[in-house]
Amino acid sequence: MSKHTLFAYVDGADLHEIEGELEAEFVDFVRNRSWKLHIPWVVNQRGCTQGLRDGDLPTWDLGLNLVLPDIGHEPEGWFSDVEQIAKLAGELHSQFGRDFVIGIADTKTGITEDLFDVDSDTPDLALLRQVIGVEPPKIG
């Protein structure tokens, strides 16, 4: 089992009005691509409401998860899957006006870390590579 999962979720907890449309976009995206790694899966889960103050919204994870290869065992071209997901986030940002967060979760501990914000139509893929710790592709 891999040690890490990449997540790409819509930023925010007020997603009721666009939940169905976004989820359909994610499902279509997963179905209509070929993947180098594992096939990503759609996540749509709301956090617990217990202990929230009046007016607070529970967390809402809506987006995609992708199992990442273990360090040192990455197949060639694996990062293209991550880039496809980031590009989708940019397209959905344009379409829905919502930001996205890309991060990594440790599958053993459950600890997550937000690494990269998609707050434009064209995410900086070179910066995403740098943040995740992937070497740039070799040319030539």
C-alpha atoms as a PDB file:
ATOM      1  CA  MET A   1       0.000   0.000   0.000  1.00  0.00           C
ATOM      2  CA  SER A   2       1.270   3.445  -0.903  1.00  0.00           C
ATOM      3  CA  LYS A   3       2.281   5.798   1.866  1.00  0.00           C
ATOM      4  CA  HIS A   4       0.720   8.921   0.368  1.00  0.00           C
ATOM      5  CA  THR A   5      -2.428  10.085  -1.368  1.00  0.00           C
ATOM      6  CA  LEU A   6      -2.725  13.317  -3.292  1.00  0.00           C
ATOM      7  CA  PHE A   7      -5.946  15.241  -2.823  1.00  0.00           C
ATOM      8  CA  ALA A   8      -7.422  18.085  -4.853  1.00  0.00           C
ATOM      9  CA  TYR A   9     -10.491  19.568  -3.166  1.00  0.00           C
ATOM     10  CA  VAL A  10     -12.668  22.605  -3.666  1.00  0.00           C
ATOM     11  CA  ASP A  11     -11.747  25.204  -1.059  1.00  0.00           C
ATOM     12  CA  GLY A  12     -14.684  25.991   1.181  1.00  0.00           C
ATOM     13  CA  ALA A  13     -17.628  24.471   2.971  1.00  0.00           C
ATOM     14  CA  ASP A  14     -20.488  26.319   1.267  1.00  0.00           C
ATOM     15  CA  LEU A  15     -20.824  24.029  -1.727  1.00  0.00           C
ATOM     16  CA  HIS A  16     -24.527  23.126  -1.665  1.00  0.00           C
ATOM     17  CA  GLU A  17     -25.440  25.073  -4.806  1.00  0.00           C
ATOM     18  CA  ILE A  18     -22.647  23.595  -6.953  1.00  0.00           C
ATOM     19  CA  GLU A  19     -22.105  20.173  -5.369  1.00  0.00           C
ATOM     20  CA  GLY A  20     -23.959  18.173  -8.030  1.00  0.00           C
ATOM     21  CA  GLU A  21     -22.352  19.940 -10.969  1.00  0.00           C
ATOM     22  CA  LEU A  22     -18.857  19.659  -9.510  1.00  0.00           C
ATOM     23  CA  GLU A  23     -19.241  16.003  -8.621  1.00  0.00           C
ATOM     24  CA  ALA A  24     -20.434  15.261 -12.174  1.00  0.00           C
ATOM     25  CA  GLU A  25     -17.390  17.111 -13.569  1.00  0.00           C
ATOM     26  CA  PHE A  26     -15.072  15.005 -11.395  1.00  0.00           C
ATOM     27  CA  VAL A  27     -16.759  11.731 -12.397  1.00  0.00           C
ATOM     28  CA  ASP A  28     -16.568  12.589 -16.113  1.00  0.00           C
ATOM     29  CA  PHE A  29     -12.942  13.652 -15.765  1.00  0.00           C
ATOM     30  CA  VAL A  30     -11.909  10.359 -14.145  1.00  0.00           C
ATOM     31  CA  ARG A  31     -13.782   8.281 -16.734  1.00  0.00           C
ATOM     32  CA  ASN A  32     -12.542  10.137 -19.793  1.00  0.00           C
ATOM     33  CA  ARG A  33      -8.785  10.042 -19.177  1.00  0.00           C
ATOM     34  CA  SER A  34      -6.106   7.410 -19.259  1.00  0.00           C
ATOM     35  CA  TRP A  35      -3.961   7.264 -16.143  1.00  0.00           C
ATOM     36  CA  LYS A  36      -0.302   6.359 -15.583  1.00  0.00           C
ATOM     37  CA  LEU A  37      -0.808   5.548 -11.912  1.00  0.00           C
ATOM     38  CA  HIS A  38      -3.947   4.392 -10.210  1.00  0.00           C
ATOM     39  CA  ILE A  39      -7.310   5.718 -11.257  1.00  0.00           C
ATOM     40  CA  PRO A  40      -8.291   8.656  -9.043  1.00  0.00           C
ATOM     41  CA  TRP A  41     -11.558   8.507  -7.146  1.00  0.00           C
ATOM     42  CA  VAL A  42     -14.148  11.143  -6.407  1.00  0.00           C
ATOM     43  CA  VAL A  43     -14.552  12.276  -2.796  1.00  0.00           C
ATOM     44  CA  ASN A  44     -17.668  14.007  -1.493  1.00  0.00           C
ATOM     45  CA  GLN A  45     -17.814  13.979   2.295  1.00  0.00           C
ATOM     46  CA  ARG A  46     -18.828  16.474   4.911  1.00  0.00           C
ATOM     47  CA  GLY A  47     -17.216  16.745   8.311  1.00  0.00           C
ATOM     48  CA  CYS A  48     -18.879  16.363  11.658  1.00  0.00           C
ATOM     49  CA  THR A  49     -21.137  19.152  12.883  1.00  0.00           C
ATOM     50  CA  GLN A  50     -20.656  18.323  16.560  1.00  0.00           C
ATOM     51  CA  GLY A  51     -18.917  21.103  18.433  1.00  0.00           C
ATOM     52  CA  LEU A  52     -19.444  23.746  15.739  1.00  0.00           C
ATOM     53  CA  ARG A  53     -20.573  27.185  16.821  1.00  0.00           C
ATOM     54  CA  ASP A  54     -23.726  28.707  15.380  1.00  0.00           C
ATOM     55  CA  GLY A  55     -23.134  29.835  11.827  1.00  0.00           C
ATOM     56  CA  ASP A  56     -20.035  27.655  11.329  1.00  0.00           C
ATOM     57  CA  LEU A  57     -20.124  25.186   8.473  1.00  0.00           C
ATOM     58  CA  PRO A  58     -18.610  21.711   8.742  1.00  0.00           C
ATOM     59  CA  THR A  59     -15.631  20.958   6.544  1.00  0.00           C
ATOM     60  CA  TRP A  60     -16.462  19.582   3.131  1.00  0.00           C
ATOM     61  CA  ASP A  61     -14.050  17.477   1.080  1.00  0.00           C
ATOM     62  CA  LEU A  62     -15.228  17.562  -2.520  1.00  0.00           C
ATOM     63  CA  GLY A  63     -12.767  16.639  -5.239  1.00  0.00           C
ATOM     64  CA  LEU A  64     -10.351  13.885  -6.208  1.00  0.00           C
ATOM     65  CA  ASN A  65      -7.906  11.559  -4.467  1.00  0.00           C
ATOM     66  CA  LEU A  66      -4.997   9.849  -6.221  1.00  0.00           C
ATOM     67  CA  VAL A  67      -2.683   7.208  -4.749  1.00  0.00           C
ATOM     68  CA  LEU A  68       0.905   8.373  -5.217  1.00  0.00           C
ATOM     69  CA  PRO A  69       3.858   6.092  -5.911  1.00  0.00           C
ATOM     70  CA  ASP A  70       6.329   5.559  -3.108  1.00  0.00           C
ATOM     71  CA  ILE A  71       9.507   7.610  -3.339  1.00  0.00           C
ATOM     72  CA  GLY A  72      12.052   5.817  -5.486  1.00  0.00           C
ATOM     73  CA  HIS A  73       9.357   3.707  -7.190  1.00  0.00           C
ATOM     74  CA  GLU A  74       7.797   6.317  -9.461  1.00  0.00           C
ATOM     75  CA  PRO A  75       6.993   5.085 -12.965  1.00  0.00           C
ATOM     76  CA  GLU A  76       8.113   7.282 -15.821  1.00  0.00           C
ATOM     77  CA  GLY A  77       5.646  10.037 -16.572  1.00  0.00           C
ATOM     78  CA  TRP A  78       3.657   9.540 -13.363  1.00  0.00           C
ATOM     79  CA  PHE A  79       3.500  13.261 -12.620  1.00  0.00           C
ATOM     80  CA  SER A  80       1.330  13.817 -15.701  1.00  0.00           C
ATOM     81  CA  ASP A  81      -1.596  12.445 -13.657  1.00  0.00           C
ATOM     82  CA  VAL A  82      -1.038  15.158 -11.051  1.00  0.00           C
ATOM     83  CA  GLU A  83      -0.756  17.789 -13.778  1.00  0.00           C
ATOM     84  CA  GLN A  84      -4.058  16.651 -15.327  1.00  0.00           C
ATOM     85  CA  ILE A  85      -5.766  17.062 -11.966  1.00  0.00           C
ATOM     86  CA  ALA A  86      -4.251  20.529 -11.445  1.00  0.00           C
ATOM     87  CA  LYS A  87      -5.356  21.604 -14.921  1.00  0.00           C
ATOM     88  CA  LEU A  88      -8.887  20.390 -14.171  1.00  0.00           C
ATOM     89  CA  ALA A  89      -8.849  22.450 -10.976  1.00  0.00           C
ATOM     90  CA  GLY A  90      -7.893  25.484 -13.071  1.00  0.00           C
ATOM     91  CA  GLU A  91     -10.719  24.824 -15.526  1.00  0.00           C
ATOM     92  CA  LEU A  92     -13.222  24.396 -12.701  1.00  0.00           C
ATOM     93  CA  HIS A  93     -11.904  27.560 -11.039  1.00  0.00           C
ATOM     94  CA  SER A  94     -12.741  29.388 -14.256  1.00  0.00           C
ATOM     95  CA  GLN A  95     -16.145  27.755 -14.560  1.00  0.00           C
ATOM     96  CA  PHE A  96     -17.309  28.013 -10.935  1.00  0.00           C
ATOM     97  CA  GLY A  97     -15.170  30.824  -9.513  1.00  0.00           C
ATOM     98  CA  ARG A  98     -13.945  28.588  -6.693  1.00  0.00           C
ATOM     99  CA  ASP A  99     -10.386  27.954  -5.533  1.00  0.00           C
ATOM    100  CA  PHE A 100      -8.941  24.471  -5.052  1.00  0.00           C
ATOM    101  CA  VAL A 101      -6.371  23.055  -2.667  1.00  0.00           C
ATOM    102  CA  ILE A 102      -3.923  20.315  -3.637  1.00  0.00           C
ATOM    103  CA  GLY A 103      -2.168  18.469  -0.864  1.00  0.00           C
ATOM    104  CA  ILE A 104      -0.866  15.147   0.348  1.00  0.00           C
ATOM    105  CA  ALA A 105      -2.229  12.814   3.008  1.00  0.00           C
ATOM    106  CA  ASP A 106      -0.158  10.243   4.879  1.00  0.00           C
ATOM    107  CA  THR A 107      -2.137   7.008   4.605  1.00  0.00           C
ATOM    108  CA  LYS A 108      -0.817   5.609   7.902  1.00  0.00           C
ATOM    109  CA  THR A 109      -1.245   8.602  10.185  1.00  0.00           C
ATOM    110  CA  GLY A 110      -4.052  10.393   8.356  1.00  0.00           C
ATOM    111  CA  ILE A 111      -2.114  13.648   8.612  1.00  0.00           C
ATOM    112  CA  THR A 112      -2.741  15.957   5.678  1.00  0.00           C
ATOM    113  CA  GLU A 113      -0.799  18.907   4.371  1.00  0.00           C
ATOM    114  CA  ASP A 114      -2.121  21.519   1.974  1.00  0.00           C
ATOM    115  CA  LEU A 115       0.662  22.239  -0.512  1.00  0.00           C
ATOM    116  CA  PHE A 116      -0.671  24.203  -3.455  1.00  0.00           C
ATOM    117  CA  ASP A 117      -3.570  26.546  -4.146  1.00  0.00           C
ATOM    118  CA  VAL A 118      -5.257  26.681  -7.526  1.00  0.00           C
ATOM    119  CA  ASP A 119      -6.651  30.193  -7.657  1.00  0.00           C
ATOM    120  CA  SER A 120      -6.398  30.881 -11.376  1.00  0.00           C
ATOM    121  CA  ASP A 121      -7.383  29.321 -14.685  1.00  0.00           C
ATOM    122  CA  THR A 122      -3.814  28.179 -15.368  1.00  0.00           C
ATOM    123  CA  PRO A 123      -2.043  26.743 -12.331  1.00  0.00           C
ATOM    124  CA  ASP A 124       1.744  27.051 -12.219  1.00  0.00           C
ATOM    125  CA  LEU A 125       2.692  23.433 -12.954  1.00  0.00           C
ATOM    126  CA  ALA A 126       6.422  24.113 -12.507  1.00  0.00           C
ATOM    127  CA  LEU A 127       5.717  25.407  -9.003  1.00  0.00           C
ATOM    128  CA  LEU A 128       3.506  22.403  -8.310  1.00  0.00           C
ATOM    129  CA  ARG A 129       6.405  20.112  -9.286  1.00  0.00           C
ATOM    130  CA  GLN A 130       8.705  22.036  -6.974  1.00  0.00           C
ATOM    131  CA  VAL A 131       6.289  21.976  -4.045  1.00  0.00           C
ATOM    132  CA  ILE A 132       5.683  18.237  -4.352  1.00  0.00           C
ATOM    133  CA  GLY A 133       9.404  17.653  -4.802  1.00  0.00           C
ATOM    134  CA  VAL A 134       9.524  16.314  -8.328  1.00  0.00           C
ATOM    135  CA  GLU A 135      12.466  16.985 -10.607  1.00  0.00           C
ATOM    136  CA  PRO A 136      11.657  18.867 -13.812  1.00  0.00           C
ATOM    137  CA  PRO A 137      11.549  16.690 -16.925  1.00  0.00           C
ATOM    138  CA  LYS A 138      14.841  16.264 -18.717  1.00  0.00           C
ATOM    139  CA  ILE A 139      14.952  17.749 -22.202  1.00  0.00           C
ATOM    140  CA  GLY A 140      17.009  16.126 -24.908  1.00  0.00           C
END
